[in-house]
């Protein structure tokens, strides 16, 4: 959520920038400005700084993992092996599947029918 002190500061600045006649309404106007600012800012679906920083750190760790995986793939491709063992998160070796052999197209009775003329 947005810091209430910042909202109060904004409300005070708006209140102070108003003409003197309107400012004489005093606290009521400032209170309404604060309420309006609060409702408009909550509509914006903003995140606070702490949540933003946490998500930034998650993104950095994800980028590091992605970079390490890309490097690992490049190493495996440079070796030219198609059945190299790959380790999963549970450290269980998994063998990459070999390429499937080419097969002849399958014909079905419907594909071999000819139309009667």
N, C-alpha and C. Protein backbone atom coordinates (compact mmCIF):
# COMPACT_ATOMS: atom_id res chain seq x y z
N UNK A 1 0.84 -1.18 0.00
CA UNK A 1 0.00 0.00 0.00
C UNK A 1 0.89 1.24 0.00
N UNK A 2 0.32 2.33 -0.33
CA UNK A 2 1.04 3.60 -0.42
C UNK A 2 1.19 4.20 0.97
N UNK A 3 2.33 4.81 1.21
CA UNK A 3 2.64 5.39 2.50
C UNK A 3 1.65 6.52 2.81
N UNK A 4 0.92 6.43 3.93
CA UNK A 4 -0.06 7.47 4.28
C UNK A 4 0.58 8.85 4.45
N UNK A 5 1.84 8.89 4.86
CA UNK A 5 2.52 10.18 5.01
C UNK A 5 2.66 10.89 3.67
N UNK A 6 2.92 10.11 2.62
CA UNK A 6 3.04 10.69 1.28
C UNK A 6 1.69 11.27 0.83
N UNK A 7 0.61 10.53 1.12
CA UNK A 7 -0.73 11.00 0.74
C UNK A 7 -1.05 12.28 1.49
N UNK A 8 -0.73 12.31 2.78
CA UNK A 8 -0.97 13.53 3.56
C UNK A 8 -0.17 14.69 3.01
N UNK A 9 1.06 14.43 2.61
CA UNK A 9 1.91 15.49 2.06
C UNK A 9 1.32 16.01 0.75
N UNK A 10 0.87 15.10 -0.12
CA UNK A 10 0.24 15.52 -1.37
C UNK A 10 -1.03 16.32 -1.11
N UNK A 11 -1.85 15.84 -0.18
CA UNK A 11 -3.09 16.54 0.15
C UNK A 11 -2.80 17.94 0.68
N UNK A 12 -1.78 18.04 1.52
CA UNK A 12 -1.40 19.34 2.07
C UNK A 12 -0.92 20.29 0.96
N UNK A 13 -0.13 19.76 0.01
CA UNK A 13 0.37 20.59 -1.08
C UNK A 13 -0.78 21.08 -1.96
N UNK A 14 -1.73 20.19 -2.24
CA UNK A 14 -2.88 20.60 -3.05
C UNK A 14 -3.69 21.65 -2.28
N UNK A 15 -3.88 21.40 -1.01
CA UNK A 15 -4.63 22.34 -0.17
C UNK A 15 -3.97 23.71 -0.15
N UNK A 16 -2.65 23.74 -0.03
CA UNK A 16 -1.92 25.01 0.03
C UNK A 16 -1.90 25.73 -1.31
N UNK A 17 -2.05 24.99 -2.40
CA UNK A 17 -2.02 25.64 -3.71
C UNK A 17 -3.38 26.21 -4.10
N UNK A 18 -4.39 25.96 -3.31
CA UNK A 18 -5.74 26.46 -3.61
C UNK A 18 -5.85 27.95 -3.28
N UNK A 19 -6.77 28.62 -3.94
CA UNK A 19 -7.00 30.04 -3.59
C UNK A 19 -7.41 30.19 -2.13
N UNK A 20 -7.14 31.36 -1.58
CA UNK A 20 -7.35 31.60 -0.15
C UNK A 20 -8.80 31.36 0.27
N UNK A 21 -9.75 31.75 -0.55
CA UNK A 21 -11.17 31.57 -0.21
C UNK A 21 -11.53 30.11 0.01
N UNK A 22 -11.00 29.25 -0.81
CA UNK A 22 -11.29 27.82 -0.68
C UNK A 22 -10.52 27.23 0.49
N UNK A 23 -9.31 27.71 0.71
CA UNK A 23 -8.49 27.20 1.81
C UNK A 23 -9.12 27.45 3.17
N UNK A 24 -9.97 28.47 3.26
CA UNK A 24 -10.60 28.80 4.54
C UNK A 24 -11.53 27.68 5.01
N UNK A 25 -11.94 26.82 4.11
CA UNK A 25 -12.75 25.69 4.53
C UNK A 25 -11.92 24.72 5.37
N UNK A 26 -10.61 24.85 5.27
CA UNK A 26 -9.68 24.18 6.16
C UNK A 26 -9.65 22.66 6.10
N UNK A 27 -9.80 22.08 7.26
CA UNK A 27 -9.61 20.64 7.42
C UNK A 27 -10.56 19.82 6.57
N UNK A 28 -11.76 20.31 6.37
CA UNK A 28 -12.74 19.54 5.59
C UNK A 28 -12.26 19.34 4.16
N UNK A 29 -11.73 20.39 3.56
CA UNK A 29 -11.22 20.29 2.19
C UNK A 29 -10.01 19.36 2.15
N UNK A 30 -9.10 19.52 3.09
CA UNK A 30 -7.90 18.68 3.12
C UNK A 30 -8.28 17.21 3.32
N UNK A 31 -9.27 16.98 4.17
CA UNK A 31 -9.72 15.61 4.42
C UNK A 31 -10.32 15.00 3.15
N UNK A 32 -11.12 15.77 2.43
CA UNK A 32 -11.73 15.27 1.19
C UNK A 32 -10.66 15.02 0.11
N UNK A 33 -9.68 15.90 0.05
CA UNK A 33 -8.58 15.72 -0.91
C UNK A 33 -7.83 14.43 -0.59
N UNK A 34 -7.55 14.21 0.70
CA UNK A 34 -6.85 13.01 1.12
C UNK A 34 -7.65 11.75 0.76
N UNK A 35 -8.96 11.79 0.99
CA UNK A 35 -9.81 10.64 0.66
C UNK A 35 -9.83 10.39 -0.85
N UNK A 36 -9.91 11.44 -1.62
CA UNK A 36 -9.93 11.31 -3.08
C UNK A 36 -8.61 10.75 -3.59
N UNK A 37 -7.51 11.28 -3.08
CA UNK A 37 -6.20 10.76 -3.48
C UNK A 37 -6.06 9.29 -3.12
N UNK A 38 -6.48 8.94 -1.91
CA UNK A 38 -6.37 7.55 -1.46
C UNK A 38 -7.19 6.63 -2.37
N UNK A 39 -8.41 7.01 -2.69
CA UNK A 39 -9.25 6.14 -3.52
C UNK A 39 -8.71 6.04 -4.95
N UNK A 40 -8.20 7.13 -5.49
CA UNK A 40 -7.66 7.08 -6.85
C UNK A 40 -6.36 6.27 -6.92
N UNK A 41 -5.52 6.39 -5.91
CA UNK A 41 -4.27 5.65 -5.90
C UNK A 41 -4.49 4.15 -5.68
N UNK A 42 -5.50 3.78 -4.92
CA UNK A 42 -5.77 2.35 -4.73
C UNK A 42 -6.30 1.72 -6.01
N UNK A 43 -6.94 2.50 -6.85
CA UNK A 43 -7.42 1.99 -8.14
C UNK A 43 -6.27 1.65 -9.08
N UNK A 44 -5.14 2.27 -8.90
CA UNK A 44 -4.00 2.08 -9.80
C UNK A 44 -3.32 0.73 -9.63
N UNK A 45 -3.66 -0.01 -8.59
CA UNK A 45 -3.09 -1.33 -8.35
C UNK A 45 -1.57 -1.26 -8.30
N UNK A 46 -1.06 -0.40 -7.44
CA UNK A 46 0.38 -0.22 -7.28
C UNK A 46 0.92 -1.18 -6.23
N UNK A 47 2.20 -1.45 -6.29
CA UNK A 47 2.85 -2.27 -5.28
C UNK A 47 3.76 -1.38 -4.45
N UNK A 48 3.99 -1.81 -3.21
CA UNK A 48 4.89 -1.02 -2.38
C UNK A 48 6.35 -1.34 -2.71
N UNK A 49 7.23 -0.56 -2.19
CA UNK A 49 8.65 -0.69 -2.51
C UNK A 49 9.22 -2.04 -2.07
N UNK A 50 8.79 -2.51 -0.91
CA UNK A 50 9.29 -3.79 -0.40
C UNK A 50 8.93 -4.93 -1.34
N UNK A 51 7.69 -4.97 -1.77
CA UNK A 51 7.26 -6.03 -2.70
C UNK A 51 8.00 -5.91 -4.03
N UNK A 52 8.21 -4.70 -4.50
CA UNK A 52 8.95 -4.47 -5.73
C UNK A 52 10.38 -5.00 -5.61
N UNK A 53 11.03 -4.70 -4.48
CA UNK A 53 12.41 -5.16 -4.27
C UNK A 53 12.49 -6.68 -4.21
N UNK A 54 11.51 -7.31 -3.57
CA UNK A 54 11.49 -8.78 -3.50
C UNK A 54 11.36 -9.37 -4.90
N UNK A 55 10.45 -8.83 -5.69
CA UNK A 55 10.25 -9.34 -7.04
C UNK A 55 11.49 -9.10 -7.92
N UNK A 56 12.18 -8.00 -7.69
CA UNK A 56 13.42 -7.72 -8.42
C UNK A 56 14.47 -8.78 -8.12
N UNK A 57 14.59 -9.16 -6.85
CA UNK A 57 15.55 -10.19 -6.46
C UNK A 57 15.18 -11.54 -7.06
N UNK A 58 13.89 -11.86 -7.08
CA UNK A 58 13.43 -13.12 -7.69
C UNK A 58 13.79 -13.12 -9.18
N UNK A 59 13.56 -12.01 -9.84
CA UNK A 59 13.89 -11.91 -11.26
C UNK A 59 15.38 -12.07 -11.51
N UNK A 60 16.21 -11.48 -10.67
CA UNK A 60 17.67 -11.62 -10.83
C UNK A 60 18.11 -13.07 -10.66
N UNK A 61 17.57 -13.76 -9.65
CA UNK A 61 17.92 -15.17 -9.46
C UNK A 61 17.45 -16.02 -10.64
N UNK A 62 16.28 -15.70 -11.17
CA UNK A 62 15.77 -16.44 -12.32
C UNK A 62 16.65 -16.22 -13.54
N UNK A 63 17.10 -15.00 -13.75
CA UNK A 63 18.01 -14.72 -14.87
C UNK A 63 19.32 -15.47 -14.72
N UNK A 64 19.83 -15.54 -13.50
CA UNK A 64 21.08 -16.27 -13.26
C UNK A 64 20.91 -17.75 -13.58
N UNK A 65 19.79 -18.33 -13.14
CA UNK A 65 19.52 -19.74 -13.42
C UNK A 65 19.37 -19.98 -14.91
N UNK A 66 18.67 -19.07 -15.60
CA UNK A 66 18.49 -19.19 -17.04
C UNK A 66 19.83 -19.13 -17.76
N UNK A 67 20.68 -18.22 -17.33
CA UNK A 67 22.00 -18.10 -17.94
C UNK A 67 22.81 -19.38 -17.73
N UNK A 68 22.75 -19.95 -16.53
CA UNK A 68 23.49 -21.19 -16.25
C UNK A 68 22.95 -22.33 -17.11
N UNK A 69 21.63 -22.39 -17.27
CA UNK A 69 21.03 -23.44 -18.10
C UNK A 69 21.41 -23.27 -19.57
N UNK A 70 21.40 -22.04 -20.05
CA UNK A 70 21.80 -21.79 -21.44
C UNK A 70 23.26 -22.21 -21.66
N UNK A 71 24.09 -21.93 -20.69
CA UNK A 71 25.50 -22.30 -20.79
C UNK A 71 25.64 -23.82 -20.79
N UNK A 72 24.88 -24.49 -19.95
CA UNK A 72 24.91 -25.96 -19.88
C UNK A 72 24.45 -26.57 -21.20
N UNK A 73 23.40 -26.02 -21.78
CA UNK A 73 22.90 -26.52 -23.06
C UNK A 73 23.96 -26.32 -24.14
N UNK A 74 24.60 -25.17 -24.16
CA UNK A 74 25.64 -24.91 -25.15
C UNK A 74 26.78 -25.90 -25.00
N UNK A 75 27.16 -26.23 -23.77
CA UNK A 75 28.22 -27.21 -23.55
C UNK A 75 27.81 -28.58 -24.07
N UNK A 76 26.57 -28.97 -23.78
CA UNK A 76 26.09 -30.28 -24.23
C UNK A 76 25.99 -30.34 -25.75
N UNK A 77 25.55 -29.25 -26.37
CA UNK A 77 25.45 -29.22 -27.83
C UNK A 77 26.83 -29.25 -28.47
N UNK A 78 27.80 -28.62 -27.83
CA UNK A 78 29.15 -28.61 -28.39
C UNK A 78 29.80 -30.00 -28.33
N UNK A 79 29.38 -30.81 -27.38
CA UNK A 79 29.87 -32.18 -27.31
C UNK A 79 29.28 -33.04 -28.41
N UNK A 80 28.11 -32.65 -28.90
CA UNK A 80 27.47 -33.39 -29.99
C UNK A 80 26.78 -34.65 -29.53
N UNK A 81 26.44 -34.75 -28.28
CA UNK A 81 25.75 -35.94 -27.79
C UNK A 81 24.26 -35.69 -27.73
N UNK A 82 23.49 -36.70 -28.15
CA UNK A 82 22.04 -36.56 -28.08
C UNK A 82 21.46 -37.34 -26.93
N UNK A 83 22.23 -38.20 -26.31
CA UNK A 83 21.72 -38.97 -25.18
C UNK A 83 22.48 -38.66 -23.91
N UNK A 84 22.88 -37.42 -23.74
CA UNK A 84 23.62 -37.01 -22.55
C UNK A 84 22.67 -37.03 -21.36
N UNK A 85 23.14 -37.52 -20.21
CA UNK A 85 22.26 -37.52 -19.04
C UNK A 85 22.00 -36.10 -18.58
N UNK A 86 20.77 -35.85 -18.24
CA UNK A 86 20.35 -34.55 -17.75
C UNK A 86 19.92 -34.74 -16.32
N UNK A 87 20.34 -33.87 -15.42
CA UNK A 87 19.99 -34.01 -14.03
C UNK A 87 18.78 -33.13 -13.74
N UNK A 88 17.76 -33.72 -13.10
CA UNK A 88 16.58 -32.96 -12.73
C UNK A 88 16.79 -32.33 -11.37
N UNK A 89 15.79 -31.61 -10.89
CA UNK A 89 15.92 -30.95 -9.60
C UNK A 89 16.06 -31.96 -8.47
N UNK A 90 15.64 -33.20 -8.66
CA UNK A 90 15.79 -34.23 -7.64
C UNK A 90 17.10 -34.99 -7.82
N UNK A 91 17.99 -34.49 -8.69
CA UNK A 91 19.28 -35.11 -9.01
C UNK A 91 19.12 -36.54 -9.52
N UNK A 92 18.05 -36.77 -10.26
CA UNK A 92 17.81 -38.07 -10.87
C UNK A 92 18.24 -37.99 -12.31
N UNK A 93 19.19 -38.85 -12.74
CA UNK A 93 19.61 -38.77 -14.14
C UNK A 93 18.48 -39.17 -15.08
N UNK A 94 18.32 -38.39 -16.11
CA UNK A 94 17.31 -38.66 -17.13
C UNK A 94 18.02 -38.67 -18.46
N UNK A 95 17.77 -39.64 -19.29
CA UNK A 95 18.41 -39.72 -20.60
C UNK A 95 17.52 -39.07 -21.62
N UNK A 96 18.10 -38.20 -22.40
CA UNK A 96 17.34 -37.53 -23.44
C UNK A 96 16.95 -38.55 -24.50
N UNK A 97 15.73 -38.47 -25.03
CA UNK A 97 15.31 -39.44 -26.03
C UNK A 97 16.08 -39.28 -27.33
N UNK A 98 16.37 -40.40 -27.96
CA UNK A 98 17.04 -40.38 -29.27
C UNK A 98 16.02 -39.99 -30.32
N UNK A 99 16.50 -39.56 -31.45
CA UNK A 99 15.61 -39.16 -32.53
C UNK A 99 14.81 -40.36 -33.01
N UNK A 100 13.54 -40.15 -33.29
CA UNK A 100 12.67 -41.23 -33.74
C UNK A 100 13.04 -41.60 -35.17
N UNK A 101 13.03 -42.91 -35.49
CA UNK A 101 13.35 -43.32 -36.86
C UNK A 101 12.26 -42.86 -37.82
N UNK A 102 12.68 -42.58 -39.03
CA UNK A 102 11.72 -42.14 -40.04
C UNK A 102 10.85 -43.34 -40.43
N UNK A 103 9.57 -43.10 -40.58
CA UNK A 103 8.65 -44.17 -40.95
C UNK A 103 7.93 -43.77 -42.22
N UNK A 104 7.44 -44.77 -42.91
CA UNK A 104 6.68 -44.52 -44.13
C UNK A 104 5.32 -43.98 -43.75
N UNK A 105 4.73 -43.16 -44.59
CA UNK A 105 3.41 -42.63 -44.27
C UNK A 105 2.39 -43.76 -44.19
N UNK A 106 1.49 -43.64 -43.27
CA UNK A 106 0.45 -44.65 -43.08
C UNK A 106 -0.71 -44.29 -43.99
N UNK A 107 -1.17 -45.29 -44.74
CA UNK A 107 -2.32 -45.06 -45.60
C UNK A 107 -3.51 -45.76 -45.01
N UNK A 108 -4.62 -45.09 -45.04
CA UNK A 108 -5.85 -45.66 -44.54
C UNK A 108 -6.76 -45.93 -45.71
N UNK A 109 -7.75 -46.79 -45.52
CA UNK A 109 -8.66 -47.05 -46.64
C UNK A 109 -9.30 -45.78 -47.20
N UNK A 110 -9.56 -44.80 -46.32
CA UNK A 110 -10.19 -43.56 -46.80
C UNK A 110 -9.23 -42.79 -47.71
N UNK A 111 -7.92 -42.86 -47.43
CA UNK A 111 -6.97 -42.08 -48.23
C UNK A 111 -6.67 -42.74 -49.57
N UNK A 112 -7.02 -44.04 -49.73
CA UNK A 112 -6.74 -44.71 -51.00
C UNK A 112 -7.97 -44.82 -51.89
N UNK A 113 -9.11 -44.38 -51.41
CA UNK A 113 -10.34 -44.45 -52.19
C UNK A 113 -10.28 -43.45 -53.36
N UNK A 114 -10.87 -43.85 -54.46
CA UNK A 114 -11.01 -42.93 -55.60
C UNK A 114 -12.49 -42.71 -55.82
N UNK A 115 -12.79 -41.57 -56.31
CA UNK A 115 -14.20 -41.24 -56.54
C UNK A 115 -14.71 -41.96 -57.78
N UNK A 116 -15.93 -42.39 -57.68
CA UNK A 116 -16.57 -43.01 -58.86
C UNK A 116 -16.93 -41.94 -59.85
N UNK A 117 -16.65 -42.20 -61.12
CA UNK A 117 -16.94 -41.23 -62.16
C UNK A 117 -18.21 -41.52 -62.85
